[in-house]
N, C-alpha and C. Protein backbone atom coordinates (compact mmCIF):
# COMPACT_ATOMS: atom_id res chain seq x y z
N MET A 1 12.12 12.06 0.74
CA MET A 1 13.43 11.81 -0.74
C MET A 1 12.06 11.85 -1.74
N PHE A 2 11.10 10.45 -1.62
CA PHE A 2 10.07 10.76 -3.07
C PHE A 2 9.44 11.12 -3.84
N ASN A 3 9.40 12.46 -2.49
CA ASN A 3 9.02 13.84 -2.75
C ASN A 3 10.12 14.44 -3.84
N GLU A 4 10.86 14.37 -3.53
CA GLU A 4 11.97 15.42 -4.59
C GLU A 4 12.30 14.88 -5.37
N PHE A 5 12.38 13.26 -5.44
CA PHE A 5 12.12 12.58 -6.68
C PHE A 5 11.33 12.92 -7.28
N ILE A 6 9.79 13.25 -7.29
CA ILE A 6 9.13 13.06 -8.74
C ILE A 6 8.84 15.05 -8.71
N SER A 7 9.47 15.36 -7.50
CA SER A 7 9.15 16.92 -8.58
C SER A 7 10.11 17.41 -8.99
N GLU A 8 11.64 16.62 -9.18
CA GLU A 8 11.95 16.92 -10.24
C GLU A 8 11.77 16.02 -11.50
N TYR A 9 11.40 14.58 -11.43
CA TYR A 9 11.28 14.23 -12.67
C TYR A 9 10.07 14.86 -13.36
N ILE A 10 8.99 15.78 -12.52
CA ILE A 10 7.86 16.37 -13.53
C ILE A 10 8.90 17.90 -13.86
N LYS A 11 9.16 17.87 -13.14
CA LYS A 11 10.24 18.99 -13.46
C LYS A 11 10.94 18.81 -15.04
N ALA A 12 11.81 17.94 -15.03
CA ALA A 12 12.26 17.67 -16.87
C ALA A 12 11.43 17.03 -17.46
N LEU A 13 10.03 16.81 -17.14
CA LEU A 13 9.48 16.13 -18.62
C LEU A 13 9.37 17.31 -19.76
N PRO A 14 8.85 16.70 -20.75
CA PRO A 14 9.40 17.33 -21.62
C PRO A 14 7.67 18.45 -22.65
N GLY A 15 6.76 17.83 -21.55
CA GLY A 15 5.22 18.36 -21.70
C GLY A 15 4.50 17.74 -20.56
N THR A 16 2.82 17.75 -20.78
CA THR A 16 2.02 18.04 -19.72
C THR A 16 1.81 16.06 -19.04
N ASN A 17 2.76 15.41 -20.23
CA ASN A 17 2.33 13.79 -19.85
C ASN A 17 2.97 13.11 -18.58
N LEU A 18 3.00 12.95 -17.71
CA LEU A 18 3.63 12.06 -17.14
C LEU A 18 4.74 10.57 -17.10
N PHE A 19 3.75 9.84 -18.76
CA PHE A 19 5.50 9.32 -19.01
C PHE A 19 4.89 9.40 -20.47
N TYR A 20 6.60 9.45 -20.85
CA TYR A 20 6.82 9.50 -22.47
C TYR A 20 8.03 8.27 -22.87
N SER A 21 7.98 8.29 -24.10
CA SER A 21 8.69 7.36 -24.69
C SER A 21 9.88 7.55 -24.14
N ALA A 22 11.03 6.62 -24.83
CA ALA A 22 12.93 7.35 -24.56
C ALA A 22 12.98 8.21 -25.18
N ASN A 23 12.28 8.57 -26.41
CA ASN A 23 12.77 9.64 -27.03
C ASN A 23 11.64 10.27 -27.39
N ASN A 24 11.34 11.08 -25.83
CA ASN A 24 10.19 12.13 -25.45
C ASN A 24 8.96 12.23 -26.59
N GLU A 25 8.31 10.67 -26.75
CA GLU A 25 7.47 11.07 -27.51
C GLU A 25 6.56 10.14 -26.84
N TYR A 26 5.01 10.64 -27.33
CA TYR A 26 3.79 9.38 -26.64
C TYR A 26 4.07 8.27 -26.55
N MET A 27 4.29 8.03 -24.80
CA MET A 27 3.35 6.22 -25.42
C MET A 27 3.19 5.23 -25.91
N THR A 28 3.53 4.23 -26.86
CA THR A 28 2.73 3.48 -27.34
C THR A 28 1.69 2.70 -26.06
N ALA A 29 1.01 1.85 -26.88
CA ALA A 29 0.13 0.86 -25.62
C ALA A 29 0.53 -0.20 -24.94
N SER A 30 1.53 -0.77 -26.07
CA SER A 30 2.35 -1.59 -25.65
C SER A 30 3.60 -1.75 -24.82
N ALA A 31 4.23 -0.36 -24.95
CA ALA A 31 5.38 -0.05 -24.24
C ALA A 31 4.75 0.80 -23.01
N TYR A 32 3.63 0.79 -22.53
CA TYR A 32 2.90 1.53 -21.36
C TYR A 32 2.35 0.16 -20.98
N ASN A 33 2.21 -0.89 -21.32
CA ASN A 33 1.73 -1.72 -20.85
C ASN A 33 2.77 -2.97 -20.16
N LYS A 34 4.22 -2.92 -20.80
CA LYS A 34 5.06 -3.58 -20.65
C LYS A 34 5.77 -2.13 -19.45
N MET A 35 6.11 -1.31 -19.23
CA MET A 35 6.24 -0.12 -18.00
C MET A 35 5.55 -0.95 -16.76
N TRP A 36 3.94 -0.51 -16.78
CA TRP A 36 3.00 -0.27 -15.90
C TRP A 36 3.37 -2.47 -15.34
N SER A 37 3.55 -3.28 -16.64
CA SER A 37 3.90 -4.85 -15.76
C SER A 37 5.58 -4.69 -15.36
N ASN A 38 6.52 -3.70 -15.29
CA ASN A 38 7.30 -3.61 -14.75
C ASN A 38 7.01 -2.62 -13.65
N ILE A 39 6.45 -1.96 -13.17
CA ILE A 39 6.25 -1.17 -12.19
C ILE A 39 5.54 -2.34 -11.62
N ILE A 40 4.83 -3.22 -11.83
CA ILE A 40 4.51 -4.15 -10.53
C ILE A 40 5.24 -5.02 -10.42
N SER A 41 6.46 -5.70 -11.02
CA SER A 41 7.11 -6.09 -10.36
C SER A 41 7.92 -5.77 -10.28
N LYS A 42 8.35 -4.93 -9.44
CA LYS A 42 8.79 -3.91 -8.21
C LYS A 42 8.24 -3.50 -7.49
N MET A 43 7.50 -3.30 -7.66
CA MET A 43 6.18 -3.02 -6.48
C MET A 43 6.32 -4.63 -5.47
N ASN A 44 6.19 -5.68 -6.21
CA ASN A 44 5.88 -6.71 -5.65
C ASN A 44 7.54 -7.36 -5.02
N VAL A 45 8.43 -7.33 -5.38
CA VAL A 45 10.07 -7.02 -4.83
C VAL A 45 10.23 -6.42 -3.87
N ALA A 46 9.48 -5.39 -3.87
CA ALA A 46 9.85 -4.60 -2.83
C ALA A 46 8.96 -4.71 -1.76
N ALA A 47 7.65 -5.39 -2.13
CA ALA A 47 7.12 -6.04 -0.63
C ALA A 47 7.27 -7.28 -0.39
N SER A 48 7.70 -7.92 -1.38
CA SER A 48 8.40 -9.63 -0.90
C SER A 48 9.36 -9.96 -0.94
N GLY A 49 10.15 -9.54 -1.59
CA GLY A 49 11.84 -9.60 -1.85
C GLY A 49 12.17 -10.35 -2.77
N SER A 50 11.42 -10.74 -3.05
CA SER A 50 10.88 -11.33 -4.32
C SER A 50 9.97 -11.21 -5.67
N ASN A 51 10.05 -11.33 -6.93
CA ASN A 51 8.92 -11.13 -7.83
C ASN A 51 8.40 -12.26 -7.68
N LYS A 52 9.14 -13.81 -7.53
CA LYS A 52 8.11 -15.04 -7.12
C LYS A 52 6.85 -14.97 -6.35
N ILE A 53 7.06 -14.23 -5.53
CA ILE A 53 5.75 -14.54 -4.22
C ILE A 53 5.22 -12.71 -4.64
N LYS A 54 4.04 -13.11 -5.59
CA LYS A 54 3.17 -11.81 -6.05
C LYS A 54 2.19 -11.20 -4.97
N ILE A 55 2.79 -10.30 -4.13
CA ILE A 55 1.15 -9.75 -3.19
C ILE A 55 0.44 -9.28 -3.66
N ILE A 56 0.88 -7.98 -4.91
CA ILE A 56 0.19 -7.16 -6.08
C ILE A 56 0.08 -7.63 -7.25
N THR A 57 -1.47 -8.26 -7.20
CA THR A 57 -1.53 -9.18 -8.24
C THR A 57 -2.90 -8.08 -9.24
N ARG A 58 -3.57 -7.70 -9.08
CA ARG A 58 -4.48 -6.94 -9.48
C ARG A 58 -4.84 -6.03 -10.00
N LEU A 59 -3.75 -5.05 -9.56
CA LEU A 59 -3.53 -3.29 -9.61
C LEU A 59 -3.34 -3.34 -10.67
N THR A 60 -4.29 -2.18 -10.93
CA THR A 60 -4.44 -1.93 -12.54
C THR A 60 -3.95 -0.41 -12.61
N ALA A 61 -3.75 0.32 -13.89
CA ALA A 61 -3.46 1.23 -13.88
C ALA A 61 -4.49 2.40 -13.62
N HIS A 62 -5.91 2.26 -14.11
CA HIS A 62 -7.05 2.78 -13.33
C HIS A 62 -7.16 2.57 -12.23
N ILE A 63 -7.02 1.47 -11.51
CA ILE A 63 -6.51 1.45 -9.63
C ILE A 63 -6.14 2.52 -9.11
N PHE A 64 -4.96 2.32 -10.00
CA PHE A 64 -3.55 3.38 -9.00
C PHE A 64 -4.45 4.69 -9.30
N ARG A 65 -4.45 4.95 -10.48
CA ARG A 65 -5.39 6.44 -10.24
C ARG A 65 -6.37 6.90 -9.84
N HIS A 66 -7.48 6.02 -9.20
CA HIS A 66 -8.23 6.07 -8.51
C HIS A 66 -7.48 6.19 -7.31
N ASN A 67 -7.02 5.56 -7.28
CA ASN A 67 -6.61 5.67 -5.95
C ASN A 67 -6.19 7.07 -5.54
N TYR A 68 -5.28 7.37 -6.45
CA TYR A 68 -4.37 8.50 -5.96
C TYR A 68 -5.36 10.18 -6.54
N CYS A 69 -5.90 10.08 -6.65
CA CYS A 69 -7.14 10.39 -6.77
C CYS A 69 -7.96 11.31 -5.90
N ALA A 70 -8.75 9.77 -5.04
CA ALA A 70 -9.24 9.36 -3.95
C ALA A 70 -8.58 10.40 -3.05
N ASN A 71 -6.89 9.79 -3.29
CA ASN A 71 -6.36 10.41 -1.40
C ASN A 71 -6.11 12.11 -2.15
N LEU A 72 -5.77 12.65 -3.05
CA LEU A 72 -5.70 13.86 -3.05
C LEU A 72 -6.74 14.51 -2.70
N CYS A 73 -8.09 14.13 -3.01
CA CYS A 73 -9.25 14.61 -2.69
C CYS A 73 -9.67 14.37 -1.16
N TYR A 74 -9.36 13.19 -0.53
CA TYR A 74 -9.01 13.51 1.13
C TYR A 74 -8.07 14.89 1.68
N GLN A 75 -7.09 15.27 0.12
CA GLN A 75 -5.76 16.26 1.32
C GLN A 75 -6.85 17.83 0.75
N MET A 76 -7.79 17.41 1.19
CA MET A 76 -9.16 19.18 0.86
C MET A 76 -8.97 18.91 2.21
N PRO A 77 -8.90 21.07 2.39
CA PRO A 77 -8.94 22.01 1.63
C PRO A 77 -7.52 21.86 1.30
N ASN A 78 -6.48 21.47 1.38
CA ASN A 78 -5.17 22.05 0.94
C ASN A 78 -4.81 22.25 -0.28
N ILE A 79 -5.63 21.49 -1.38
CA ILE A 79 -5.62 21.63 -2.48
C ILE A 79 -7.24 22.37 -3.25
N SER A 80 -7.20 22.46 -4.16
CA SER A 80 -8.62 22.36 -4.85
C SER A 80 -8.71 21.49 -5.80
N ILE A 81 -10.36 21.84 -5.72
CA ILE A 81 -11.17 21.10 -6.95
C ILE A 81 -10.24 21.06 -8.12
N LYS A 82 -10.13 22.31 -8.75
CA LYS A 82 -9.80 22.68 -9.50
C LYS A 82 -8.39 22.22 -10.33
N ARG A 83 -7.48 21.99 -9.50
CA ARG A 83 -5.90 21.61 -9.13
C ARG A 83 -6.31 20.37 -9.63
N ILE A 84 -6.72 19.26 -8.74
CA ILE A 84 -6.82 17.95 -8.82
C ILE A 84 -6.84 17.16 -10.92
N ALA A 85 -8.44 18.34 -10.67
CA ALA A 85 -8.52 17.76 -12.23
C ALA A 85 -7.59 18.01 -13.00
N GLN A 86 -6.52 19.49 -12.82
CA GLN A 86 -5.79 19.92 -13.78
C GLN A 86 -4.87 18.23 -13.63
N LEU A 87 -4.34 18.57 -12.73
CA LEU A 87 -3.30 17.44 -12.30
C LEU A 87 -3.89 15.45 -12.96
N LEU A 88 -5.43 15.13 -13.16
CA LEU A 88 -6.10 14.13 -13.68
C LEU A 88 -6.10 14.47 -15.14
N GLY A 89 -5.82 15.06 -15.51
CA GLY A 89 -6.47 15.74 -16.90
C GLY A 89 -7.44 15.45 -16.85
N ASP A 90 -8.74 15.68 -16.37
CA ASP A 90 -10.59 15.93 -16.00
C ASP A 90 -10.59 16.98 -15.82
N SER A 91 -12.04 16.86 -15.70
CA SER A 91 -12.41 18.58 -15.78
C SER A 91 -12.98 17.83 -14.43
N GLU A 92 -13.13 19.75 -13.71
CA GLU A 92 -14.04 19.63 -12.34
C GLU A 92 -15.21 18.56 -12.00
N GLU A 93 -15.73 18.77 -13.35
CA GLU A 93 -17.43 18.09 -13.12
C GLU A 93 -16.85 17.30 -12.65
N MET A 94 -16.32 16.58 -13.67
CA MET A 94 -15.93 14.83 -13.56
C MET A 94 -15.44 14.45 -12.48
N VAL A 95 -14.50 15.48 -11.85
CA VAL A 95 -13.98 14.78 -10.36
C VAL A 95 -15.07 14.90 -9.01
N LEU A 96 -15.85 16.45 -9.38
CA LEU A 96 -16.72 16.39 -8.42
C LEU A 96 -18.06 14.32 -8.67
N GLU A 97 -18.40 14.89 -9.60
CA GLU A 97 -18.78 13.62 -10.21
C GLU A 97 -18.81 12.11 -9.72
N VAL A 98 -17.63 12.34 -9.56
CA VAL A 98 -17.06 10.60 -9.73
C VAL A 98 -16.33 10.67 -8.16
N TYR A 99 -15.31 11.63 -7.16
CA TYR A 99 -15.36 11.56 -6.15
C TYR A 99 -16.32 12.31 -5.50
N ASN A 100 -17.28 12.83 -5.16
CA ASN A 100 -18.43 13.50 -4.33
C ASN A 100 -18.40 12.74 -3.38
N HIS A 101 -18.41 11.47 -2.75
CA HIS A 101 -18.24 10.41 -1.63
C HIS A 101 -17.63 10.64 -0.56
N VAL A 102 -16.04 11.42 -1.29
CA VAL A 102 -14.78 11.58 -0.60
C VAL A 102 -14.95 12.77 -0.13
N LEU A 103 -15.39 13.67 -1.27
CA LEU A 103 -15.58 14.67 -0.74
C LEU A 103 -16.68 15.22 0.80
N GLU A 104 -17.72 14.00 0.93
CA GLU A 104 -18.91 14.07 1.14
C GLU A 104 -18.37 13.92 2.20
N GLN A 105 -17.70 12.86 3.02
CA GLN A 105 -17.02 12.21 3.98
C GLN A 105 -16.12 13.95 4.25
N LYS A 106 -15.82 14.18 3.85
CA LYS A 106 -14.52 15.37 4.71
C LYS A 106 -15.41 16.27 5.31
N GLU A 107 -16.72 16.63 4.72
CA GLU A 107 -17.45 17.37 4.99
C GLU A 107 -17.97 17.23 6.98
N ASN A 108 -17.48 18.16 7.13
CA ASN A 108 -18.28 18.30 8.94
C ASN A 108 -19.12 18.98 8.35
N VAL A 109 -20.60 18.83 8.49
CA VAL A 109 -21.77 19.70 8.49
C VAL A 109 -22.32 20.15 10.11
N GLN A 110 -21.62 19.62 10.97
CA GLN A 110 -22.45 19.82 12.06
C GLN A 110 -21.08 21.48 12.69
N GLU A 111 -19.98 21.06 12.36
CA GLU A 111 -19.38 21.73 12.58
C GLU A 111 -19.65 24.08 11.75
N VAL A 112 -19.58 23.36 10.70
CA VAL A 112 -20.23 24.18 9.84
C VAL A 112 -21.45 25.09 9.93
N VAL A 113 -22.13 24.14 10.40
CA VAL A 113 -23.61 24.91 11.33
C VAL A 113 -23.39 25.61 11.86
N LYS A 114 -22.68 25.08 13.30
CA LYS A 114 -22.37 25.49 14.48
C LYS A 114 -21.06 26.92 14.41
N ASN A 115 -20.81 27.02 13.29
CA ASN A 115 -20.01 28.39 13.15
C ASN A 115 -20.64 29.08 12.48
N SER A 116 -21.60 28.98 11.05
CA SER A 116 -21.91 29.71 10.45
C SER A 116 -23.35 30.80 11.92
N ILE A 117 -23.72 30.09 12.96
CA ILE A 117 -24.96 30.74 14.04
C ILE A 117 -23.99 32.07 14.89
N ASN A 118 -22.62 31.03 15.25
CA ASN A 118 -21.31 31.48 16.40
C ASN A 118 -20.77 32.51 15.86
N PHE A 119 -20.80 33.18 14.85
CA PHE A 119 -20.37 34.25 14.62
C PHE A 119 -19.75 35.82 14.95
């Protein structure tokens, strides 16, 4: 259900940004901050049933983006570095530099060496 929602949302976007203002223009910093606060409030309500109990307190958009990218990297080889970079608006080099630790965890060096010998 969530995947369908996101897919339809992305298809309806007027450009390559994920968020736009109500009139399909670039979002101002204050509008973005207000939107992010609303997202956090809704996440707290979903997590605790009330906005009075703050379960999610220090989640920033930067942390959210970092976790998103790390989770994409864990999906390799089902997604390429090139595609991850496109989704984030970064270069492949930047993704490799920042998320190399995730990529190294995914490597199965012993299996690769074994397969290269037993061809």
